[in-house]
Amino acid sequence: EQGALLALAATAYHALAGGALPDLIIGHGTLGRLLARIAVAMGAEPVVWEIDAARRSGAEGYAVVAPEDDPRCDYRVILDASGAADLLDTLVPRLAKGGEIVLCGFYTAPISFAFPPAFMKELRLRIAAEWQPADLDATRRLMDEGRLSLNGLITHRAAAVDAGAAYETAFTDPNCLKMILDWSAAA
């Protein structure tokens, strides 16, 4: 279980290490929480947007708000962990001129956006992929120093034989942050 979370934390670190620290993180699922925790450990004070009220709890050193409750339009760096391919047009007006949006979620649909507002903001767009060995090392250091916790992220567990129901829960239940399948009986 900790290995799965460590890999996801290294992926979050990879997204953060590629540029300036974020002012805004979109999504408060497991990846969004890890992004926020690591950003705080690195000295940032991010705001996290979450549309689902059930997922707004559990913040550790940062604020989680509904997007409509946030009036800011001067974010320098926005990290999107939502995986919502149609979100860019909502985020661009929230950027400061020359701001950056980092796509670090998993997107199943093509991403497109209206060019004129992005042009006016001089949008910089970056895509963060999977972690690299240096990201894993840096994540381990944060954990070893007590600056990063992986606690409270695994909310559900299921036997591997129940994978069908587990996947249904993982993708439809907003209370499921991270589902872990137990393969010990299948070995």
N, C-alpha and C. Protein backbone atom coordinates (compact mmCIF):
# COMPACT_ATOMS: atom_id res chain seq x y z
N GLU A 1 0.82 -1.20 0.00
CA GLU A 1 0.00 0.00 0.00
C GLU A 1 0.86 1.26 0.00
N GLN A 2 1.89 1.26 0.86
CA GLN A 2 2.74 2.44 0.93
C GLN A 2 3.51 2.64 -0.38
N GLY A 3 3.85 1.54 -1.05
CA GLY A 3 4.55 1.65 -2.33
C GLY A 3 3.69 2.32 -3.39
N ALA A 4 2.41 1.98 -3.43
CA ALA A 4 1.50 2.61 -4.38
C ALA A 4 1.39 4.10 -4.10
N LEU A 5 1.27 4.46 -2.83
CA LEU A 5 1.18 5.88 -2.47
C LEU A 5 2.49 6.60 -2.72
N LEU A 6 3.61 5.94 -2.46
CA LEU A 6 4.91 6.56 -2.70
C LEU A 6 5.08 6.88 -4.19
N ALA A 7 4.68 5.97 -5.06
CA ALA A 7 4.77 6.23 -6.50
C ALA A 7 3.88 7.41 -6.90
N LEU A 8 2.69 7.48 -6.34
CA LEU A 8 1.80 8.60 -6.65
C LEU A 8 2.36 9.90 -6.08
N ALA A 9 2.96 9.85 -4.90
CA ALA A 9 3.58 11.04 -4.31
C ALA A 9 4.76 11.50 -5.17
N ALA A 10 5.54 10.57 -5.70
CA ALA A 10 6.65 10.93 -6.58
C ALA A 10 6.13 11.55 -7.87
N THR A 11 4.98 11.09 -8.35
CA THR A 11 4.36 11.70 -9.53
C THR A 11 3.94 13.13 -9.22
N ALA A 12 3.37 13.35 -8.03
CA ALA A 12 3.00 14.71 -7.61
C ALA A 12 4.25 15.58 -7.50
N TYR A 13 5.30 15.05 -6.91
CA TYR A 13 6.55 15.81 -6.79
C TYR A 13 7.06 16.19 -8.18
N HIS A 14 6.99 15.27 -9.12
CA HIS A 14 7.45 15.53 -10.48
C HIS A 14 6.71 16.72 -11.10
N ALA A 15 5.41 16.80 -10.87
CA ALA A 15 4.61 17.91 -11.40
C ALA A 15 5.03 19.23 -10.77
N LEU A 16 5.37 19.20 -9.49
CA LEU A 16 5.77 20.41 -8.78
C LEU A 16 7.20 20.83 -9.10
N ALA A 17 8.07 19.88 -9.31
CA ALA A 17 9.49 20.17 -9.49
C ALA A 17 9.81 20.82 -10.82
N GLY A 18 8.88 20.80 -11.74
CA GLY A 18 9.15 21.33 -13.08
C GLY A 18 9.04 22.82 -13.22
N GLY A 19 8.67 23.53 -12.17
CA GLY A 19 8.51 24.97 -12.30
C GLY A 19 8.27 25.62 -10.95
N ALA A 20 7.63 26.79 -11.00
CA ALA A 20 7.31 27.52 -9.77
C ALA A 20 6.25 26.77 -8.98
N LEU A 21 6.23 26.99 -7.68
CA LEU A 21 5.24 26.34 -6.82
C LEU A 21 3.84 26.88 -7.12
N PRO A 22 2.83 26.04 -6.94
CA PRO A 22 1.47 26.44 -7.31
C PRO A 22 0.81 27.37 -6.30
N ASP A 23 -0.03 28.24 -6.83
CA ASP A 23 -0.94 29.05 -6.02
C ASP A 23 -2.27 28.33 -5.88
N LEU A 24 -2.63 27.57 -6.92
CA LEU A 24 -3.94 26.92 -7.00
C LEU A 24 -3.78 25.50 -7.50
N ILE A 25 -4.47 24.58 -6.84
CA ILE A 25 -4.51 23.17 -7.24
C ILE A 25 -5.97 22.81 -7.47
N ILE A 26 -6.24 22.16 -8.57
CA ILE A 26 -7.61 21.78 -8.91
C ILE A 26 -7.79 20.31 -8.58
N GLY A 27 -8.73 20.03 -7.68
CA GLY A 27 -9.06 18.66 -7.29
C GLY A 27 -8.44 18.28 -5.96
N HIS A 28 -9.27 17.66 -5.10
CA HIS A 28 -8.80 17.26 -3.77
C HIS A 28 -8.95 15.76 -3.58
N GLY A 29 -8.69 15.01 -4.66
CA GLY A 29 -8.58 13.57 -4.56
C GLY A 29 -7.19 13.24 -4.04
N THR A 30 -6.76 12.03 -4.24
CA THR A 30 -5.46 11.62 -3.72
C THR A 30 -4.32 12.43 -4.33
N LEU A 31 -4.30 12.57 -5.65
CA LEU A 31 -3.23 13.33 -6.30
C LEU A 31 -3.26 14.79 -5.87
N GLY A 32 -4.44 15.39 -5.83
CA GLY A 32 -4.55 16.79 -5.41
C GLY A 32 -4.07 16.99 -3.98
N ARG A 33 -4.40 16.07 -3.10
CA ARG A 33 -3.94 16.15 -1.71
C ARG A 33 -2.42 16.02 -1.63
N LEU A 34 -1.87 15.10 -2.40
CA LEU A 34 -0.42 14.96 -2.40
C LEU A 34 0.26 16.20 -2.97
N LEU A 35 -0.28 16.75 -4.05
CA LEU A 35 0.27 17.99 -4.60
C LEU A 35 0.28 19.09 -3.55
N ALA A 36 -0.85 19.23 -2.85
CA ALA A 36 -0.96 20.28 -1.84
C ALA A 36 0.00 20.02 -0.68
N ARG A 37 0.07 18.79 -0.21
CA ARG A 37 0.97 18.47 0.92
C ARG A 37 2.43 18.73 0.55
N ILE A 38 2.82 18.34 -0.64
CA ILE A 38 4.20 18.56 -1.06
C ILE A 38 4.46 20.04 -1.27
N ALA A 39 3.51 20.75 -1.87
CA ALA A 39 3.67 22.20 -2.07
C ALA A 39 3.86 22.90 -0.73
N VAL A 40 3.07 22.53 0.28
CA VAL A 40 3.21 23.11 1.61
C VAL A 40 4.59 22.77 2.18
N ALA A 41 5.02 21.52 2.01
CA ALA A 41 6.34 21.11 2.51
C ALA A 41 7.46 21.89 1.84
N MET A 42 7.21 22.38 0.63
CA MET A 42 8.21 23.14 -0.11
C MET A 42 8.07 24.65 0.11
N GLY A 43 7.13 25.05 0.97
CA GLY A 43 7.00 26.46 1.31
C GLY A 43 5.87 27.22 0.65
N ALA A 44 5.05 26.56 -0.13
CA ALA A 44 3.94 27.24 -0.79
C ALA A 44 2.72 27.28 0.12
N GLU A 45 1.78 28.14 -0.22
CA GLU A 45 0.50 28.24 0.49
C GLU A 45 -0.63 28.14 -0.54
N PRO A 46 -0.81 26.96 -1.12
CA PRO A 46 -1.80 26.84 -2.20
C PRO A 46 -3.24 26.85 -1.69
N VAL A 47 -4.11 27.23 -2.60
CA VAL A 47 -5.55 27.06 -2.43
C VAL A 47 -5.91 25.85 -3.29
N VAL A 48 -6.84 25.04 -2.81
CA VAL A 48 -7.30 23.88 -3.57
C VAL A 48 -8.77 24.07 -3.87
N TRP A 49 -9.14 23.89 -5.12
CA TRP A 49 -10.54 23.91 -5.52
C TRP A 49 -11.07 22.49 -5.55
N GLU A 50 -12.24 22.30 -5.00
CA GLU A 50 -12.92 21.00 -5.06
C GLU A 50 -14.41 21.25 -5.24
N ILE A 51 -15.01 20.67 -6.27
CA ILE A 51 -16.43 20.87 -6.54
C ILE A 51 -17.32 20.00 -5.67
N ASP A 52 -16.80 18.89 -5.18
CA ASP A 52 -17.58 17.96 -4.37
C ASP A 52 -17.40 18.30 -2.89
N ALA A 53 -18.48 18.72 -2.25
CA ALA A 53 -18.40 19.12 -0.83
C ALA A 53 -17.86 18.00 0.05
N ALA A 54 -18.13 16.74 -0.31
CA ALA A 54 -17.66 15.61 0.49
C ALA A 54 -16.14 15.49 0.48
N ARG A 55 -15.49 16.06 -0.52
CA ARG A 55 -14.03 15.95 -0.63
C ARG A 55 -13.29 17.19 -0.13
N ARG A 56 -13.99 18.16 0.42
CA ARG A 56 -13.34 19.38 0.87
C ARG A 56 -12.68 19.25 2.24
N SER A 57 -12.92 18.15 2.93
CA SER A 57 -12.29 17.97 4.24
C SER A 57 -10.92 17.33 4.06
N GLY A 58 -10.16 17.27 5.14
CA GLY A 58 -8.88 16.58 5.13
C GLY A 58 -7.69 17.43 4.73
N ALA A 59 -7.86 18.73 4.64
CA ALA A 59 -6.73 19.60 4.29
C ALA A 59 -5.73 19.65 5.43
N GLU A 60 -4.46 19.68 5.08
CA GLU A 60 -3.38 19.75 6.06
C GLU A 60 -2.47 20.92 5.73
N GLY A 61 -2.81 22.11 6.22
CA GLY A 61 -1.98 23.28 6.01
C GLY A 61 -2.33 24.10 4.78
N TYR A 62 -3.48 23.89 4.21
CA TYR A 62 -3.93 24.63 3.04
C TYR A 62 -5.44 24.72 3.06
N ALA A 63 -5.99 25.65 2.28
CA ALA A 63 -7.44 25.85 2.22
C ALA A 63 -8.04 25.09 1.05
N VAL A 64 -9.21 24.51 1.25
CA VAL A 64 -9.96 23.85 0.18
C VAL A 64 -11.30 24.57 0.07
N VAL A 65 -11.61 25.06 -1.13
CA VAL A 65 -12.82 25.85 -1.34
C VAL A 65 -13.53 25.40 -2.61
N ALA A 66 -14.79 25.76 -2.69
CA ALA A 66 -15.53 25.57 -3.94
C ALA A 66 -15.06 26.64 -4.92
N PRO A 67 -14.90 26.31 -6.19
CA PRO A 67 -14.41 27.31 -7.15
C PRO A 67 -15.22 28.60 -7.16
N GLU A 68 -16.53 28.47 -7.03
CA GLU A 68 -17.38 29.66 -7.07
C GLU A 68 -17.21 30.56 -5.85
N ASP A 69 -16.58 30.05 -4.80
CA ASP A 69 -16.34 30.84 -3.59
C ASP A 69 -14.98 31.53 -3.61
N ASP A 70 -14.25 31.40 -4.68
CA ASP A 70 -12.92 31.98 -4.79
C ASP A 70 -12.93 33.10 -5.83
N PRO A 71 -12.75 34.35 -5.40
CA PRO A 71 -12.81 35.47 -6.34
C PRO A 71 -11.49 35.75 -7.08
N ARG A 72 -10.41 35.09 -6.71
CA ARG A 72 -9.10 35.44 -7.26
C ARG A 72 -9.01 35.21 -8.77
N CYS A 73 -8.30 36.11 -9.41
CA CYS A 73 -8.03 36.01 -10.85
C CYS A 73 -6.57 36.36 -11.13
N ASP A 74 -5.69 36.03 -10.19
CA ASP A 74 -4.28 36.39 -10.35
C ASP A 74 -3.34 35.24 -9.99
N TYR A 75 -3.78 34.03 -10.22
CA TYR A 75 -2.94 32.88 -9.91
C TYR A 75 -1.78 32.80 -10.91
N ARG A 76 -0.59 32.59 -10.39
CA ARG A 76 0.60 32.48 -11.24
C ARG A 76 0.78 31.07 -11.77
N VAL A 77 0.49 30.07 -10.92
CA VAL A 77 0.66 28.66 -11.32
C VAL A 77 -0.55 27.87 -10.83
N ILE A 78 -1.20 27.21 -11.77
CA ILE A 78 -2.35 26.36 -11.46
C ILE A 78 -1.99 24.94 -11.86
N LEU A 79 -2.14 24.01 -10.92
CA LEU A 79 -1.95 22.59 -11.21
C LEU A 79 -3.32 21.93 -11.27
N ASP A 80 -3.61 21.30 -12.38
CA ASP A 80 -4.90 20.63 -12.53
C ASP A 80 -4.73 19.13 -12.34
N ALA A 81 -5.29 18.64 -11.23
CA ALA A 81 -5.26 17.20 -10.93
C ALA A 81 -6.63 16.58 -11.13
N SER A 82 -7.54 17.32 -11.76
CA SER A 82 -8.92 16.84 -11.88
C SER A 82 -9.11 15.81 -13.00
N GLY A 83 -8.32 15.93 -14.04
CA GLY A 83 -8.52 15.07 -15.20
C GLY A 83 -9.68 15.50 -16.08
N ALA A 84 -10.25 16.67 -15.80
CA ALA A 84 -11.38 17.19 -16.59
C ALA A 84 -10.84 17.90 -17.82
N ALA A 85 -11.02 17.30 -18.98
CA ALA A 85 -10.45 17.82 -20.22
C ALA A 85 -11.06 19.15 -20.64
N ASP A 86 -12.24 19.49 -20.16
CA ASP A 86 -12.92 20.71 -20.58
C ASP A 86 -12.73 21.88 -19.60
N LEU A 87 -11.77 21.79 -18.72
CA LEU A 87 -11.63 22.77 -17.64
C LEU A 87 -10.76 23.98 -18.00
N LEU A 88 -9.95 23.89 -19.02
CA LEU A 88 -9.01 24.97 -19.32
C LEU A 88 -9.70 26.32 -19.51
N ASP A 89 -10.82 26.36 -20.18
CA ASP A 89 -11.50 27.64 -20.40
C ASP A 89 -11.98 28.27 -19.11
N THR A 90 -12.18 27.48 -18.07
CA THR A 90 -12.54 27.99 -16.75
C THR A 90 -11.30 28.50 -16.01
N LEU A 91 -10.17 27.89 -16.24
CA LEU A 91 -8.95 28.24 -15.52
C LEU A 91 -8.23 29.45 -16.09
N VAL A 92 -8.25 29.62 -17.40
CA VAL A 92 -7.51 30.72 -18.03
C VAL A 92 -7.88 32.08 -17.45
N PRO A 93 -9.16 32.41 -17.26
CA PRO A 93 -9.48 33.72 -16.67
C PRO A 93 -8.98 33.90 -15.24
N ARG A 94 -8.64 32.84 -14.57
CA ARG A 94 -8.16 32.91 -13.18
C ARG A 94 -6.65 33.13 -13.10
N LEU A 95 -5.97 33.09 -14.24
CA LEU A 95 -4.52 33.25 -14.29
C LEU A 95 -4.10 34.71 -14.30
N ALA A 96 -2.94 34.97 -13.71
CA ALA A 96 -2.25 36.24 -13.91
C ALA A 96 -1.66 36.21 -15.32
N LYS A 97 -1.39 37.38 -15.87
CA LYS A 97 -0.76 37.44 -17.19
C LYS A 97 0.57 36.69 -17.14
N GLY A 98 0.80 35.81 -18.10
CA GLY A 98 2.01 35.02 -18.16
C GLY A 98 1.99 33.81 -17.25
N GLY A 99 0.81 33.51 -16.68
CA GLY A 99 0.68 32.39 -15.77
C GLY A 99 0.79 31.04 -16.47
N GLU A 100 0.97 30.02 -15.65
CA GLU A 100 1.17 28.66 -16.16
C GLU A 100 0.10 27.73 -15.62
N ILE A 101 -0.38 26.88 -16.49
CA ILE A 101 -1.26 25.79 -16.09
C ILE A 101 -0.51 24.49 -16.34
N VAL A 102 -0.47 23.64 -15.31
CA VAL A 102 0.21 22.36 -15.41
C VAL A 102 -0.85 21.27 -15.38
N LEU A 103 -0.91 20.48 -16.42
CA LEU A 103 -1.83 19.36 -16.48
C LEU A 103 -1.14 18.14 -15.88
N CYS A 104 -1.64 17.68 -14.74
CA CYS A 104 -0.99 16.55 -14.08
C CYS A 104 -2.00 15.48 -13.70
N GLY A 105 -3.24 15.62 -14.16
CA GLY A 105 -4.24 14.60 -13.95
C GLY A 105 -4.18 13.59 -15.08
N PHE A 106 -5.15 12.69 -15.10
CA PHE A 106 -5.26 11.72 -16.18
C PHE A 106 -6.48 12.11 -17.00
N TYR A 107 -6.27 12.43 -18.27
CA TYR A 107 -7.32 12.96 -19.14
C TYR A 107 -7.69 11.90 -20.17
N THR A 108 -8.97 11.53 -20.20
CA THR A 108 -9.42 10.49 -21.12
C THR A 108 -9.98 11.07 -22.41
N ALA A 109 -10.19 12.38 -22.44
CA ALA A 109 -10.72 13.03 -23.63
C ALA A 109 -9.70 14.05 -24.14
N PRO A 110 -9.79 14.41 -25.42
CA PRO A 110 -8.88 15.43 -25.94
C PRO A 110 -9.06 16.76 -25.20
N ILE A 111 -7.95 17.45 -25.04
CA ILE A 111 -7.98 18.74 -24.36
C ILE A 111 -7.98 19.84 -25.41
N SER A 112 -8.91 20.77 -25.26
CA SER A 112 -8.96 21.92 -26.16
C SER A 112 -9.32 23.15 -25.33
N PHE A 113 -9.07 24.31 -25.89
CA PHE A 113 -9.39 25.55 -25.19
C PHE A 113 -9.54 26.67 -26.20
N ALA A 114 -10.23 27.72 -25.77
CA ALA A 114 -10.40 28.90 -26.61
C ALA A 114 -9.08 29.65 -26.66
N PHE A 115 -8.58 29.88 -27.85
CA PHE A 115 -7.27 30.50 -27.99
C PHE A 115 -7.24 31.98 -27.59
N PRO A 116 -8.21 32.83 -27.98
CA PRO A 116 -8.09 34.26 -27.68
C PRO A 116 -7.86 34.59 -26.20
N PRO A 117 -8.63 34.02 -25.24
CA PRO A 117 -8.34 34.36 -23.84
C PRO A 117 -6.96 33.86 -23.39
N ALA A 118 -6.54 32.69 -23.88
CA ALA A 118 -5.22 32.16 -23.55
C ALA A 118 -4.13 33.05 -24.13
N PHE A 119 -4.36 33.56 -25.33
CA PHE A 119 -3.43 34.47 -25.98
C PHE A 119 -3.30 35.77 -25.18
N MET A 120 -4.42 36.30 -24.74
CA MET A 120 -4.40 37.56 -23.98
C MET A 120 -3.69 37.40 -22.64
N LYS A 121 -3.78 36.25 -22.04
CA LYS A 121 -3.11 35.98 -20.77
C LYS A 121 -1.67 35.53 -20.97
N GLU A 122 -1.26 35.27 -22.21
CA GLU A 122 0.06 34.70 -22.51
C GLU A 122 0.27 33.42 -21.71
N LEU A 123 -0.73 32.56 -21.78
CA LEU A 123 -0.75 31.28 -21.07
C LEU A 123 0.48 30.43 -21.40
N ARG A 124 1.06 29.87 -20.36
CA ARG A 124 2.08 28.84 -20.52
C ARG A 124 1.43 27.53 -20.08
N LEU A 125 1.59 26.50 -20.87
CA LEU A 125 0.95 25.21 -20.60
C LEU A 125 2.04 24.15 -20.50
N ARG A 126 1.97 23.37 -19.43
CA ARG A 126 2.95 22.30 -19.22
C ARG A 126 2.20 21.03 -18.88
N ILE A 127 2.74 19.92 -19.31
CA ILE A 127 2.17 18.62 -18.99
C ILE A 127 3.20 17.85 -18.18
N ALA A 128 2.78 17.37 -17.03
CA ALA A 128 3.67 16.59 -16.18
C ALA A 128 3.33 15.11 -16.34
N ALA A 129 4.34 14.33 -16.61
CA ALA A 129 4.14 12.89 -16.81
C ALA A 129 4.54 12.14 -15.55
N GLU A 130 4.95 10.92 -15.72
CA GLU A 130 5.28 10.05 -14.60
C GLU A 130 6.58 10.47 -13.92
N TRP A 131 6.71 10.03 -12.69
CA TRP A 131 7.88 10.34 -11.89
C TRP A 131 9.14 9.72 -12.47
N GLN A 132 10.24 10.33 -12.09
CA GLN A 132 11.57 9.85 -12.45
C GLN A 132 12.30 9.47 -11.16
N PRO A 133 13.41 8.74 -11.25
CA PRO A 133 14.11 8.33 -10.02
C PRO A 133 14.45 9.49 -9.08
N ALA A 134 14.84 10.64 -9.60
CA ALA A 134 15.16 11.79 -8.74
C ALA A 134 13.92 12.26 -7.97
N ASP A 135 12.74 12.15 -8.59
CA ASP A 135 11.50 12.54 -7.91
C ASP A 135 11.21 11.60 -6.74
N LEU A 136 11.46 10.33 -6.95
CA LEU A 136 11.26 9.34 -5.89
C LEU A 136 12.22 9.61 -4.73
N ASP A 137 13.47 9.91 -5.05
CA ASP A 137 14.46 10.21 -4.01
C ASP A 137 14.05 11.45 -3.20
N ALA A 138 13.61 12.49 -3.90
CA ALA A 138 13.20 13.73 -3.22
C ALA A 138 11.96 13.50 -2.36
N THR A 139 11.03 12.70 -2.85
CA THR A 139 9.82 12.39 -2.08
C THR A 139 10.18 11.61 -0.83
N ARG A 140 11.07 10.65 -0.95
CA ARG A 140 11.52 9.88 0.23
C ARG A 140 12.17 10.79 1.26
N ARG A 141 12.96 11.77 0.78
CA ARG A 141 13.60 12.71 1.71
C ARG A 141 12.55 13.50 2.48
N LEU A 142 11.52 13.99 1.78
CA LEU A 142 10.46 14.73 2.45
C LEU A 142 9.78 13.87 3.52
N MET A 143 9.56 12.61 3.20
CA MET A 143 8.95 11.70 4.17
C MET A 143 9.89 11.43 5.34
N ASP A 144 11.15 11.15 5.04
CA ASP A 144 12.13 10.85 6.09
C ASP A 144 12.34 12.03 7.02
N GLU A 145 12.21 13.25 6.49
CA GLU A 145 12.35 14.46 7.30
C GLU A 145 11.08 14.79 8.07
N GLY A 146 10.01 14.01 7.85
CA GLY A 146 8.75 14.26 8.52
C GLY A 146 7.96 15.43 7.95
N ARG A 147 8.29 15.82 6.72
CA ARG A 147 7.61 16.96 6.08
C ARG A 147 6.47 16.52 5.16
N LEU A 148 6.38 15.22 4.88
CA LEU A 148 5.32 14.69 4.01
C LEU A 148 4.74 13.43 4.64
N SER A 149 3.43 13.43 4.78
CA SER A 149 2.72 12.27 5.30
C SER A 149 1.84 11.69 4.20
N LEU A 150 1.77 10.37 4.17
CA LEU A 150 0.88 9.68 3.24
C LEU A 150 -0.37 9.18 3.96
N ASN A 151 -0.53 9.58 5.20
CA ASN A 151 -1.66 9.12 6.01
C ASN A 151 -3.00 9.65 5.49
N GLY A 152 -4.03 8.82 5.67
CA GLY A 152 -5.39 9.22 5.36
C GLY A 152 -5.77 9.22 3.89
N LEU A 153 -4.92 8.68 3.04
CA LEU A 153 -5.20 8.71 1.60
C LEU A 153 -5.86 7.43 1.10
N ILE A 154 -5.57 6.31 1.73
CA ILE A 154 -6.23 5.06 1.35
C ILE A 154 -7.51 4.96 2.16
N THR A 155 -8.62 5.02 1.46
CA THR A 155 -9.92 4.99 2.13
C THR A 155 -10.65 3.68 1.94
N HIS A 156 -10.27 2.90 0.94
CA HIS A 156 -10.97 1.66 0.64
C HIS A 156 -9.98 0.57 0.28
N ARG A 157 -10.34 -0.65 0.68
CA ARG A 157 -9.56 -1.84 0.34
C ARG A 157 -10.54 -2.93 -0.10
N ALA A 158 -10.08 -3.77 -1.02
CA ALA A 158 -10.92 -4.88 -1.47
C ALA A 158 -10.03 -6.03 -1.89
N ALA A 159 -10.56 -7.24 -1.80
CA ALA A 159 -9.85 -8.41 -2.29
C ALA A 159 -9.79 -8.36 -3.81
N ALA A 160 -8.73 -8.87 -4.38
CA ALA A 160 -8.56 -8.84 -5.83
C ALA A 160 -9.72 -9.51 -6.56
N VAL A 161 -10.30 -10.55 -5.96
CA VAL A 161 -11.43 -11.23 -6.61
C VAL A 161 -12.65 -10.32 -6.72
N ASP A 162 -12.67 -9.24 -5.95
CA ASP A 162 -13.77 -8.28 -6.00
C ASP A 162 -13.40 -7.03 -6.80
N ALA A 163 -12.46 -7.18 -7.73
CA ALA A 163 -11.94 -6.04 -8.47
C ALA A 163 -13.04 -5.29 -9.24
N GLY A 164 -13.98 -5.98 -9.81
CA GLY A 164 -15.05 -5.31 -10.56
C GLY A 164 -15.81 -4.32 -9.70
N ALA A 165 -16.25 -4.77 -8.55
CA ALA A 165 -16.97 -3.88 -7.62
C ALA A 165 -16.04 -2.80 -7.08
N ALA A 166 -14.78 -3.16 -6.86
CA ALA A 166 -13.82 -2.18 -6.34
C ALA A 166 -13.60 -1.05 -7.33
N TYR A 167 -13.47 -1.38 -8.60
CA TYR A 167 -13.29 -0.33 -9.62
C TYR A 167 -14.52 0.55 -9.70
N GLU A 168 -15.69 -0.05 -9.60
CA GLU A 168 -16.93 0.73 -9.60
C GLU A 168 -16.92 1.73 -8.45
N THR A 169 -16.55 1.27 -7.27
CA THR A 169 -16.46 2.16 -6.11
C THR A 169 -15.41 3.23 -6.33
N ALA A 170 -14.25 2.83 -6.81
CA ALA A 170 -13.14 3.77 -6.99
C ALA A 170 -13.50 4.91 -7.93
N PHE A 171 -14.29 4.62 -8.95
CA PHE A 171 -14.58 5.65 -9.96
C PHE A 171 -15.93 6.33 -9.78
N THR A 172 -16.75 5.88 -8.84
CA THR A 172 -18.06 6.51 -8.68
C THR A 172 -18.35 7.03 -7.28
N ASP A 173 -17.64 6.57 -6.28
CA ASP A 173 -17.90 6.99 -4.90
C ASP A 173 -16.97 8.15 -4.55
N PRO A 174 -17.52 9.36 -4.33
CA PRO A 174 -16.66 10.50 -4.02
C PRO A 174 -15.91 10.35 -2.70
N ASN A 175 -16.37 9.45 -1.83
CA ASN A 175 -15.67 9.21 -0.57
C ASN A 175 -14.46 8.30 -0.73
N CYS A 176 -14.31 7.70 -1.90
CA CYS A 176 -13.17 6.82 -2.16
C CYS A 176 -12.02 7.65 -2.73
N LEU A 177 -11.02 7.89 -1.90
CA LEU A 177 -9.84 8.61 -2.38
C LEU A 177 -8.91 7.65 -3.11
N LYS A 178 -8.57 6.55 -2.45
CA LYS A 178 -7.67 5.57 -3.05
C LYS A 178 -8.15 4.17 -2.67
N MET A 179 -8.35 3.36 -3.68
CA MET A 179 -8.75 1.97 -3.51
C MET A 179 -7.49 1.10 -3.68
N ILE A 180 -7.29 0.20 -2.73
CA ILE A 180 -6.17 -0.74 -2.82
C ILE A 180 -6.74 -2.15 -2.96
N LEU A 181 -6.28 -2.86 -3.97
CA LEU A 181 -6.68 -4.26 -4.13
C LEU A 181 -5.67 -5.15 -3.42
N ASP A 182 -6.17 -6.08 -2.64
CA ASP A 182 -5.33 -7.02 -1.90
C ASP A 182 -5.21 -8.29 -2.73
N TRP A 183 -4.00 -8.55 -3.19
CA TRP A 183 -3.74 -9.70 -4.05
C TRP A 183 -3.19 -10.89 -3.27
N SER A 184 -3.11 -10.80 -1.96
CA SER A 184 -2.44 -11.85 -1.18
C SER A 184 -3.13 -13.22 -1.33
N ALA A 185 -4.42 -13.26 -1.47
CA ALA A 185 -5.13 -14.53 -1.61
C ALA A 185 -5.00 -15.11 -3.01
N ALA A 186 -4.58 -14.29 -3.98
CA ALA A 186 -4.46 -14.74 -5.35
C ALA A 186 -3.06 -15.25 -5.67
N ALA A 187 -2.15 -15.07 -4.76
CA ALA A 187 -0.74 -15.44 -5.04
C ALA A 187 -0.51 -16.94 -4.90
